[in-house]
Amino acid sequence: MQTRNVVITGAGIVTSLGVGWTDFAAGLREGRSNFCGRRIEGIDESVAGAWLASPGPEYWGHLQLSQVQSGKLEKLVRQGPSSVVWSAVAALEACASAGLSAAYTPEEWALIVGVSNLSLDTHYREAGKFLVDPNRVSPRWALQFADTDQIGALSELLGIQGEGFTVGGNSASGNLALIQGWRAVVAESCEACVVVGAMCELSPVEIQALRFIGAMGGRRPGTDPDRACRPFDTQHEGFVIGQGCAAVVLEFEESARARGADIICQLVPQLDDDNSIAKR
């Protein structure tokens, strides 16, 4: 099957190592540790730290946002789970770098978010409120406990009125979202597709479970947090969580070139010998 080339024209990222591609790339080159020193409440022995603090304007200061977008983003910070805020910042950077503000009509954009049980920490905190007093549970949680709240919040923020859905596959959710985004563009169900690999906000319950199976680093007394994650060391003892979120914009190459967009790379599918899309 012959297909037109699909390219990536925009990208955005929010991680514990850096916010925005420039900062993130600098962190990689400098070999910075992404451990920020935060330990999980009630889990004294765990080096479970690579989180950002509560999302705030400093995370999107590198973006040129309209007053409307900035207002909507600040509303998300007040009312939404942090995973949605991180997705919003990454997607805004991706769309801005792709120059999508006037490239297509709202109906010509699609949105696909790779998710898998994202708001676990928010669920943990709401469950704690319920155990104290059922009346303390936030009514917003009714719209937030399903991962599809990402689609609603991001569609409104970005002005997307085309198709939107989530796809989950645990740690492979981001890859699955890329595959589905490629398929959406190839099928011409959209002119541009924003693909987000969302952040999963783990709660102390998940952290404790990971510790119990020996997957969490820092179990030895006196472990240096900056050196706790050594997966290829004979003395390795698990990983240190480094949460993050990234987004990319997919388009047909000819459409991108016609509007003068910068092309970051091409998304190339794996083909079988008969030039059909591989099923594996």
C-alpha atoms as a PDB file:
ATOM      1  CA  MET A   1       0.000   0.000   0.000  1.00  0.00           C
ATOM      2  CA  GLN A   2       1.482   3.326  -1.065  1.00  0.00           C
ATOM      3  CA  THR A   3       1.014   6.148   1.403  1.00  0.00           C
ATOM      4  CA  ARG A   4       1.890   9.812   1.447  1.00  0.00           C
ATOM      5  CA  ASN A   5       4.668  10.839   3.792  1.00  0.00           C
ATOM      6  CA  VAL A   6       3.621  11.859   7.303  1.00  0.00           C
ATOM      7  CA  VAL A   7       5.953  14.262   9.090  1.00  0.00           C
ATOM      8  CA  ILE A   8       6.305  15.841  12.528  1.00  0.00           C
ATOM      9  CA  THR A   9       6.228  19.632  12.360  1.00  0.00           C
ATOM     10  CA  GLY A  10       5.903  20.561  16.035  1.00  0.00           C
ATOM     11  CA  ALA A  11       6.869  19.178  19.433  1.00  0.00           C
ATOM     12  CA  GLY A  12       6.447  20.093  23.084  1.00  0.00           C
ATOM     13  CA  ILE A  13       7.612  18.542  26.331  1.00  0.00           C
ATOM     14  CA  VAL A  14       7.207  18.882  30.093  1.00  0.00           C
ATOM     15  CA  THR A  15       9.499  16.751  32.255  1.00  0.00           C
ATOM     16  CA  SER A  16      11.232  16.771  35.599  1.00  0.00           C
ATOM     17  CA  LEU A  17      14.482  17.282  33.663  1.00  0.00           C
ATOM     18  CA  GLY A  18      13.333  20.314  31.709  1.00  0.00           C
ATOM     19  CA  VAL A  19      10.252  22.151  30.439  1.00  0.00           C
ATOM     20  CA  GLY A  20      10.281  22.899  26.720  1.00  0.00           C
ATOM     21  CA  TRP A  21      12.563  21.226  24.184  1.00  0.00           C
ATOM     22  CA  THR A  22      15.380  23.738  24.620  1.00  0.00           C
ATOM     23  CA  ASP A  23      15.607  23.230  28.385  1.00  0.00           C
ATOM     24  CA  PHE A  24      15.083  19.491  28.097  1.00  0.00           C
ATOM     25  CA  ALA A  25      17.811  19.098  25.454  1.00  0.00           C
ATOM     26  CA  ALA A  26      20.200  21.174  27.580  1.00  0.00           C
ATOM     27  CA  GLY A  27      19.517  18.888  30.546  1.00  0.00           C
ATOM     28  CA  LEU A  28      20.372  15.824  28.466  1.00  0.00           C
ATOM     29  CA  ARG A  29      23.598  17.347  27.146  1.00  0.00           C
ATOM     30  CA  GLU A  30      24.670  18.427  30.625  1.00  0.00           C
ATOM     31  CA  GLY A  31      23.840  15.060  32.150  1.00  0.00           C
ATOM     32  CA  ARG A  32      21.638  16.651  34.796  1.00  0.00           C
ATOM     33  CA  SER A  33      19.828  14.440  37.282  1.00  0.00           C
ATOM     34  CA  ASN A  34      16.066  14.752  37.145  1.00  0.00           C
ATOM     35  CA  PHE A  35      15.702  13.941  40.843  1.00  0.00           C
ATOM     36  CA  CYS A  36      14.224  16.944  42.614  1.00  0.00           C
ATOM     37  CA  GLY A  37      14.405  15.624  46.161  1.00  0.00           C
ATOM     38  CA  ARG A  38      10.759  14.997  46.896  1.00  0.00           C
ATOM     39  CA  ARG A  39       9.906  11.832  48.806  1.00  0.00           C
ATOM     40  CA  ILE A  40       6.449  10.320  48.881  1.00  0.00           C
ATOM     41  CA  GLU A  41       4.338  10.849  51.988  1.00  0.00           C
ATOM     42  CA  GLY A  42       4.342   7.784  54.210  1.00  0.00           C
ATOM     43  CA  ILE A  43       7.134   5.999  52.305  1.00  0.00           C
ATOM     44  CA  ASP A  44      10.276   6.980  54.175  1.00  0.00           C
ATOM     45  CA  GLU A  45      12.715   4.555  52.550  1.00  0.00           C
ATOM     46  CA  SER A  46      11.872   5.346  48.941  1.00  0.00           C
ATOM     47  CA  VAL A  47      13.856   7.529  46.583  1.00  0.00           C
ATOM     48  CA  ALA A  48      10.675   8.348  44.716  1.00  0.00           C
ATOM     49  CA  GLY A  49      11.287  11.913  43.719  1.00  0.00           C
ATOM     50  CA  ALA A  50      11.414  13.203  40.129  1.00  0.00           C
ATOM     51  CA  TRP A  51       8.283  15.354  40.213  1.00  0.00           C
ATOM     52  CA  LEU A  52       7.697  18.926  39.292  1.00  0.00           C
ATOM     53  CA  ALA A  53       6.057  21.084  41.909  1.00  0.00           C
ATOM     54  CA  SER A  54       2.443  22.182  41.503  1.00  0.00           C
ATOM     55  CA  PRO A  55       2.036  23.428  37.911  1.00  0.00           C
ATOM     56  CA  GLY A  56       2.184  27.195  37.573  1.00  0.00           C
ATOM     57  CA  PRO A  57       2.939  29.985  35.077  1.00  0.00           C
ATOM     58  CA  GLU A  58       6.671  29.232  35.225  1.00  0.00           C
ATOM     59  CA  TYR A  59       5.956  26.064  33.218  1.00  0.00           C
ATOM     60  CA  TRP A  60       4.547  27.924  30.239  1.00  0.00           C
ATOM     61  CA  GLY A  61       6.581  31.124  30.450  1.00  0.00           C
ATOM     62  CA  HIS A  62       8.544  30.046  27.359  1.00  0.00           C
ATOM     63  CA  LEU A  63       5.335  30.049  25.288  1.00  0.00           C
ATOM     64  CA  GLN A  64       3.722  33.013  23.572  1.00  0.00           C
ATOM     65  CA  LEU A  65       0.118  32.498  24.654  1.00  0.00           C
ATOM     66  CA  SER A  66      -2.896  34.613  23.869  1.00  0.00           C
ATOM     67  CA  GLN A  67      -4.792  36.103  26.784  1.00  0.00           C
ATOM     68  CA  VAL A  68      -7.601  33.622  26.173  1.00  0.00           C
ATOM     69  CA  GLN A  69      -5.243  30.618  26.179  1.00  0.00           C
ATOM     70  CA  SER A  70      -3.439  31.856  29.280  1.00  0.00           C
ATOM     71  CA  GLY A  71      -6.740  32.292  31.083  1.00  0.00           C
ATOM     72  CA  LYS A  72      -7.921  28.816  30.137  1.00  0.00           C
ATOM     73  CA  LEU A  73      -4.609  27.314  31.219  1.00  0.00           C
ATOM     74  CA  GLU A  74      -4.748  29.026  34.592  1.00  0.00           C
ATOM     75  CA  LYS A  75      -8.306  27.698  35.016  1.00  0.00           C
ATOM     76  CA  LEU A  76      -7.015  24.187  34.310  1.00  0.00           C
ATOM     77  CA  VAL A  77      -4.383  24.624  37.018  1.00  0.00           C
ATOM     78  CA  ARG A  78      -7.075  25.530  39.549  1.00  0.00           C
ATOM     79  CA  GLN A  79      -9.562  22.845  38.571  1.00  0.00           C
ATOM     80  CA  GLY A  80      -7.849  19.995  36.741  1.00  0.00           C
ATOM     81  CA  PRO A  81      -5.477  17.157  37.606  1.00  0.00           C
ATOM     82  CA  SER A  82      -1.816  17.980  37.030  1.00  0.00           C
ATOM     83  CA  SER A  83      -1.655  15.382  34.232  1.00  0.00           C
ATOM     84  CA  VAL A  84      -4.081  17.504  32.191  1.00  0.00           C
ATOM     85  CA  VAL A  85      -2.058  20.667  32.855  1.00  0.00           C
ATOM     86  CA  TRP A  86       1.162  18.985  31.696  1.00  0.00           C
ATOM     87  CA  SER A  87      -0.598  17.751  28.533  1.00  0.00           C
ATOM     88  CA  ALA A  88      -1.897  21.245  27.878  1.00  0.00           C
ATOM     89  CA  VAL A  89       1.541  22.879  28.161  1.00  0.00           C
ATOM     90  CA  ALA A  90       3.190  20.242  25.944  1.00  0.00           C
ATOM     91  CA  ALA A  91       0.420  20.447  23.326  1.00  0.00           C
ATOM     92  CA  LEU A  92       0.508  24.248  23.266  1.00  0.00           C
ATOM     93  CA  GLU A  93       4.259  24.202  22.645  1.00  0.00           C
ATOM     94  CA  ALA A  94       3.852  21.594  19.893  1.00  0.00           C
ATOM     95  CA  CYS A  95       1.145  23.573  18.103  1.00  0.00           C
ATOM     96  CA  ALA A  96       3.066  26.841  18.451  1.00  0.00           C
ATOM     97  CA  SER A  97       6.280  25.340  17.052  1.00  0.00           C
ATOM     98  CA  ALA A  98       4.297  23.825  14.160  1.00  0.00           C
ATOM     99  CA  GLY A  99       2.717  27.214  13.364  1.00  0.00           C
ATOM    100  CA  LEU A 100      -0.782  25.758  13.407  1.00  0.00           C
ATOM    101  CA  SER A 101      -2.648  28.836  14.647  1.00  0.00           C
ATOM    102  CA  ALA A 102      -4.169  29.595  11.226  1.00  0.00           C
ATOM    103  CA  ALA A 103      -3.005  26.678   9.090  1.00  0.00           C
ATOM    104  CA  TYR A 104      -6.214  24.643   9.200  1.00  0.00           C
ATOM    105  CA  THR A 105      -9.822  25.061  10.247  1.00  0.00           C
ATOM    106  CA  PRO A 106     -10.809  23.696  13.694  1.00  0.00           C
ATOM    107  CA  GLU A 107     -12.635  20.810  11.998  1.00  0.00           C
ATOM    108  CA  GLU A 108      -9.450  19.745  10.179  1.00  0.00           C
ATOM    109  CA  TRP A 109      -7.502  19.078  13.413  1.00  0.00           C
ATOM    110  CA  ALA A 110      -7.607  15.788  15.297  1.00  0.00           C
ATOM    111  CA  LEU A 111      -6.442  15.003  18.823  1.00  0.00           C
ATOM    112  CA  ILE A 112      -5.219  11.658  20.138  1.00  0.00           C
ATOM    113  CA  VAL A 113      -3.968  11.214  23.694  1.00  0.00           C
ATOM    114  CA  GLY A 114      -2.032   8.170  24.872  1.00  0.00           C
ATOM    115  CA  VAL A 115      -3.302   7.399  28.361  1.00  0.00           C
ATOM    116  CA  SER A 116      -3.562   4.590  30.886  1.00  0.00           C
ATOM    117  CA  ASN A 117      -5.148   5.362  34.273  1.00  0.00           C
ATOM    118  CA  LEU A 118      -3.632   8.828  34.538  1.00  0.00           C
ATOM    119  CA  SER A 119      -5.182  10.513  37.556  1.00  0.00           C
ATOM    120  CA  LEU A 120      -4.279   7.978  40.229  1.00  0.00           C
ATOM    121  CA  ASP A 121      -2.983  10.531  42.738  1.00  0.00           C
ATOM    122  CA  THR A 122      -6.084  12.701  42.353  1.00  0.00           C
ATOM    123  CA  HIS A 123      -8.200   9.584  42.884  1.00  0.00           C
ATOM    124  CA  TYR A 124      -6.168   8.776  45.996  1.00  0.00           C
ATOM    125  CA  ARG A 125      -6.760  12.243  47.452  1.00  0.00           C
ATOM    126  CA  GLU A 126     -10.484  12.257  46.606  1.00  0.00           C
ATOM    127  CA  ALA A 127     -10.849   8.797  48.166  1.00  0.00           C
ATOM    128  CA  GLY A 128      -9.177  10.172  51.318  1.00  0.00           C
ATOM    129  CA  LYS A 129     -11.735  12.979  51.455  1.00  0.00           C
ATOM    130  CA  PHE A 130     -14.553  10.452  51.035  1.00  0.00           C
ATOM    131  CA  LEU A 131     -13.344   8.350  53.953  1.00  0.00           C
ATOM    132  CA  VAL A 132     -13.382  11.417  56.203  1.00  0.00           C
ATOM    133  CA  ASP A 133     -16.649  12.841  54.919  1.00  0.00           C
ATOM    134  CA  PRO A 134     -18.399  11.816  51.655  1.00  0.00           C
ATOM    135  CA  ASN A 135     -19.644  15.390  51.256  1.00  0.00           C
ATOM    136  CA  ARG A 136     -16.062  16.654  50.842  1.00  0.00           C
ATOM    137  CA  VAL A 137     -15.533  14.931  47.479  1.00  0.00           C
ATOM    138  CA  SER A 138     -15.132  17.483  44.695  1.00  0.00           C
ATOM    139  CA  PRO A 139     -18.004  17.419  42.175  1.00  0.00           C
ATOM    140  CA  ARG A 140     -15.388  18.056  39.456  1.00  0.00           C
ATOM    141  CA  TRP A 141     -14.102  14.540  40.059  1.00  0.00           C
ATOM    142  CA  ALA A 142     -17.194  13.263  38.213  1.00  0.00           C
ATOM    143  CA  LEU A 143     -15.704  14.666  35.000  1.00  0.00           C
ATOM    144  CA  GLN A 144     -12.063  13.927  35.802  1.00  0.00           C
ATOM    145  CA  PHE A 145     -11.836  10.285  36.807  1.00  0.00           C
ATOM    146  CA  ALA A 146     -12.158   9.122  33.181  1.00  0.00           C
ATOM    147  CA  ASP A 147      -9.049   9.748  31.082  1.00  0.00           C
ATOM    148  CA  THR A 148     -11.219  11.289  28.368  1.00  0.00           C
ATOM    149  CA  ASP A 149     -11.230  14.543  30.352  1.00  0.00           C
ATOM    150  CA  GLN A 150      -7.908  15.112  28.563  1.00  0.00           C
ATOM    151  CA  ILE A 151      -9.750  15.267  25.235  1.00  0.00           C
ATOM    152  CA  GLY A 152     -12.320  17.758  26.472  1.00  0.00           C
ATOM    153  CA  ALA A 153      -9.822  20.074  28.147  1.00  0.00           C
ATOM    154  CA  LEU A 154      -7.257  20.040  25.317  1.00  0.00           C
ATOM    155  CA  SER A 155      -9.851  20.380  22.555  1.00  0.00           C
ATOM    156  CA  GLU A 156     -11.267  23.497  24.206  1.00  0.00           C
ATOM    157  CA  LEU A 157      -7.822  24.960  24.872  1.00  0.00           C
ATOM    158  CA  LEU A 158      -6.486  24.322  21.355  1.00  0.00           C
ATOM    159  CA  GLY A 159      -9.722  24.965  19.476  1.00  0.00           C
ATOM    160  CA  ILE A 160      -9.847  21.464  17.983  1.00  0.00           C
ATOM    161  CA  GLN A 161     -13.246  20.433  16.627  1.00  0.00           C
ATOM    162  CA  GLY A 162     -12.234  17.345  14.667  1.00  0.00           C
ATOM    163  CA  GLU A 163     -12.179  13.790  15.983  1.00  0.00           C
ATOM    164  CA  GLY A 164     -10.571  13.116  19.338  1.00  0.00           C
ATOM    165  CA  PHE A 165     -10.038  10.011  21.413  1.00  0.00           C
ATOM    166  CA  THR A 166      -7.713   8.321  23.868  1.00  0.00           C
ATOM    167  CA  VAL A 167      -5.764   5.098  23.421  1.00  0.00           C
ATOM    168  CA  GLY A 168      -4.225   3.118  26.259  1.00  0.00           C
ATOM    169  CA  GLY A 169      -1.561   0.464  26.465  1.00  0.00           C
ATOM    170  CA  ASN A 170       0.171   1.059  29.802  1.00  0.00           C
ATOM    171  CA  SER A 171       3.791   2.108  29.141  1.00  0.00           C
ATOM    172  CA  ALA A 172       3.225   1.826  25.379  1.00  0.00           C
ATOM    173  CA  SER A 173       0.339   4.319  25.330  1.00  0.00           C
ATOM    174  CA  GLY A 174       2.426   7.065  23.730  1.00  0.00           C
ATOM    175  CA  ASN A 175       3.593   4.763  20.936  1.00  0.00           C
ATOM    176  CA  LEU A 176       0.040   3.581  20.315  1.00  0.00           C
ATOM    177  CA  ALA A 177      -1.125   7.190  20.109  1.00  0.00           C
ATOM    178  CA  LEU A 178       1.555   7.908  17.492  1.00  0.00           C
ATOM    179  CA  ILE A 179       0.421   4.909  15.446  1.00  0.00           C
ATOM    180  CA  GLN A 180      -3.207   5.990  15.594  1.00  0.00           C
ATOM    181  CA  GLY A 181      -2.239   9.567  14.743  1.00  0.00           C
ATOM    182  CA  TRP A 182      -0.322   8.355  11.682  1.00  0.00           C
ATOM    183  CA  ARG A 183      -3.339   6.301  10.625  1.00  0.00           C
ATOM    184  CA  ALA A 184      -5.690   9.264  11.069  1.00  0.00           C
ATOM    185  CA  VAL A 185      -3.568  11.454   8.801  1.00  0.00           C
ATOM    186  CA  VAL A 186      -3.059   8.716   6.185  1.00  0.00           C
ATOM    187  CA  ALA A 187      -6.802   8.000   6.159  1.00  0.00           C
ATOM    188  CA  GLU A 188      -7.317  11.742   5.540  1.00  0.00           C
ATOM    189  CA  SER A 189      -9.754  12.019   8.420  1.00  0.00           C
ATOM    190  CA  CYS A 190      -7.783  15.130   9.421  1.00  0.00           C
ATOM    191  CA  GLU A 191      -5.218  17.526   7.981  1.00  0.00           C
ATOM    192  CA  ALA A 192      -3.184  17.700  11.189  1.00  0.00           C
ATOM    193  CA  CYS A 193      -3.168  15.512  14.275  1.00  0.00           C
ATOM    194  CA  VAL A 194      -1.954  16.539  17.716  1.00  0.00           C
ATOM    195  CA  VAL A 195      -0.623  13.450  19.524  1.00  0.00           C
ATOM    196  CA  VAL A 196       0.007  13.606  23.273  1.00  0.00           C
ATOM    197  CA  GLY A 197       1.837  11.079  25.430  1.00  0.00           C
ATOM    198  CA  ALA A 198       0.312  12.021  28.772  1.00  0.00           C
ATOM    199  CA  MET A 199       1.813  11.909  32.261  1.00  0.00           C
ATOM    200  CA  CYS A 200       0.547   9.384  34.807  1.00  0.00           C
ATOM    201  CA  GLU A 201       0.361  10.893  38.301  1.00  0.00           C
ATOM    202  CA  LEU A 202       1.066   7.959  40.601  1.00  0.00           C
ATOM    203  CA  SER A 203      -0.181   7.952  44.176  1.00  0.00           C
ATOM    204  CA  PRO A 204       1.624   6.592  47.267  1.00  0.00           C
ATOM    205  CA  VAL A 205      -0.329   3.351  46.765  1.00  0.00           C
ATOM    206  CA  GLU A 206       1.286   2.646  43.385  1.00  0.00           C
ATOM    207  CA  ILE A 207       4.687   3.721  44.699  1.00  0.00           C
ATOM    208  CA  GLN A 208       4.374   1.310  47.612  1.00  0.00           C
ATOM    209  CA  ALA A 209       3.357  -1.526  45.280  1.00  0.00           C
ATOM    210  CA  LEU A 210       6.414  -0.851  43.108  1.00  0.00           C
ATOM    211  CA  ARG A 211       8.607  -0.944  46.210  1.00  0.00           C
ATOM    212  CA  PHE A 212       7.136  -4.272  47.261  1.00  0.00           C
ATOM    213  CA  ILE A 213       8.123  -5.917  43.959  1.00  0.00           C
ATOM    214  CA  GLY A 214      11.630  -4.440  44.156  1.00  0.00           C
ATOM    215  CA  ALA A 215      11.173  -2.047  41.237  1.00  0.00           C
ATOM    216  CA  MET A 216      11.801   1.211  43.122  1.00  0.00           C
ATOM    217  CA  GLY A 217      15.324   2.547  43.600  1.00  0.00           C
ATOM    218  CA  GLY A 218      16.755   3.897  46.828  1.00  0.00           C
ATOM    219  CA  ARG A 219      16.007   0.883  48.990  1.00  0.00           C
ATOM    220  CA  ARG A 220      19.531   0.692  50.384  1.00  0.00           C
ATOM    221  CA  PRO A 221      20.342   3.016  53.317  1.00  0.00           C
ATOM    222  CA  GLY A 222      22.371   6.043  52.320  1.00  0.00           C
ATOM    223  CA  THR A 223      21.562   5.798  48.608  1.00  0.00           C
ATOM    224  CA  ASP A 224      22.531   8.940  46.720  1.00  0.00           C
ATOM    225  CA  PRO A 225      19.324  10.010  44.930  1.00  0.00           C
ATOM    226  CA  ASP A 226      21.271  11.307  41.928  1.00  0.00           C
ATOM    227  CA  ARG A 227      22.849   7.868  41.466  1.00  0.00           C
ATOM    228  CA  ALA A 228      19.943   5.679  42.532  1.00  0.00           C
ATOM    229  CA  CYS A 229      18.771   4.830  39.012  1.00  0.00           C
ATOM    230  CA  ARG A 230      21.459   2.598  37.452  1.00  0.00           C
ATOM    231  CA  PRO A 231      19.580   0.030  35.313  1.00  0.00           C
ATOM    232  CA  PHE A 232      22.721  -1.477  33.730  1.00  0.00           C
ATOM    233  CA  ASP A 233      24.822  -1.610  36.907  1.00  0.00           C
ATOM    234  CA  THR A 234      25.447  -4.969  38.601  1.00  0.00           C
ATOM    235  CA  GLN A 235      24.378  -3.233  41.830  1.00  0.00           C
ATOM    236  CA  HIS A 236      21.155  -1.843  40.365  1.00  0.00           C
ATOM    237  CA  GLU A 237      18.160  -1.744  42.655  1.00  0.00           C
ATOM    238  CA  GLY A 238      15.281  -0.302  40.652  1.00  0.00           C
ATOM    239  CA  PHE A 239      14.341   2.992  39.063  1.00  0.00           C
ATOM    240  CA  VAL A 240      13.665   6.544  40.204  1.00  0.00           C
ATOM    241  CA  ILE A 241      10.429   7.904  38.809  1.00  0.00           C
ATOM    242  CA  GLY A 242      10.883  10.715  36.299  1.00  0.00           C
ATOM    243  CA  GLN A 243       7.465  11.885  35.204  1.00  0.00           C
ATOM    244  CA  GLY A 244       6.918  13.682  31.936  1.00  0.00           C
ATOM    245  CA  CYS A 245       4.620  14.466  29.043  1.00  0.00           C
ATOM    246  CA  ALA A 246       5.299  15.133  25.370  1.00  0.00           C
ATOM    247  CA  ALA A 247       3.281  16.128  22.316  1.00  0.00           C
ATOM    248  CA  VAL A 248       3.872  16.206  18.570  1.00  0.00           C
ATOM    249  CA  VAL A 249       2.001  17.474  15.518  1.00  0.00           C
ATOM    250  CA  LEU A 250       1.603  15.160  12.509  1.00  0.00           C
ATOM    251  CA  GLU A 251       0.850  16.344   8.954  1.00  0.00           C
ATOM    252  CA  PHE A 252       1.268  15.291   5.337  1.00  0.00           C
ATOM    253  CA  GLU A 253       4.690  16.329   4.106  1.00  0.00           C
ATOM    254  CA  GLU A 254       3.373  18.124   1.026  1.00  0.00           C
ATOM    255  CA  SER A 255       0.870  20.117   3.080  1.00  0.00           C
ATOM    256  CA  ALA A 256       3.563  21.079   5.584  1.00  0.00           C
ATOM    257  CA  ARG A 257       5.975  22.180   2.875  1.00  0.00           C
ATOM    258  CA  ALA A 258       3.243  24.094   1.059  1.00  0.00           C
ATOM    259  CA  ARG A 259       2.614  26.242   4.124  1.00  0.00           C
ATOM    260  CA  GLY A 260       6.313  26.673   4.841  1.00  0.00           C
ATOM    261  CA  ALA A 261       6.438  24.641   8.053  1.00  0.00           C
ATOM    262  CA  ASP A 262       9.732  23.385   9.441  1.00  0.00           C
ATOM    263  CA  ILE A 263       9.889  19.585   9.290  1.00  0.00           C
ATOM    264  CA  ILE A 264      11.453  17.915  12.312  1.00  0.00           C
ATOM    265  CA  CYS A 265      11.376  14.355  11.013  1.00  0.00           C
ATOM    266  CA  GLN A 266       9.325  11.855   9.037  1.00  0.00           C
ATOM    267  CA  LEU A 267       7.217   9.186  10.719  1.00  0.00           C
ATOM    268  CA  VAL A 268       8.023   6.009   8.774  1.00  0.00           C
ATOM    269  CA  PRO A 269       5.879   2.877   9.238  1.00  0.00           C
ATOM    270  CA  GLN A 270       7.329  -0.612   9.191  1.00  0.00           C
ATOM    271  CA  LEU A 271       6.484  -2.295   5.895  1.00  0.00           C
ATOM    272  CA  ASP A 272       6.222  -5.948   4.915  1.00  0.00           C
ATOM    273  CA  ASP A 273       7.985  -7.310   1.827  1.00  0.00           C
ATOM    274  CA  ASP A 274       4.902  -6.562  -0.323  1.00  0.00           C
ATOM    275  CA  ASN A 275       5.081  -2.893   0.784  1.00  0.00           C
ATOM    276  CA  SER A 276       1.952  -3.222   2.921  1.00  0.00           C
ATOM    277  CA  ILE A 277       1.782  -1.927   6.485  1.00  0.00           C
ATOM    278  CA  ALA A 278       3.211  -4.531   8.829  1.00  0.00           C
ATOM    279  CA  LYS A 279       0.696  -6.169  11.151  1.00  0.00           C
ATOM    280  CA  ARG A 280       3.213  -6.925  13.869  1.00  0.00           C
END
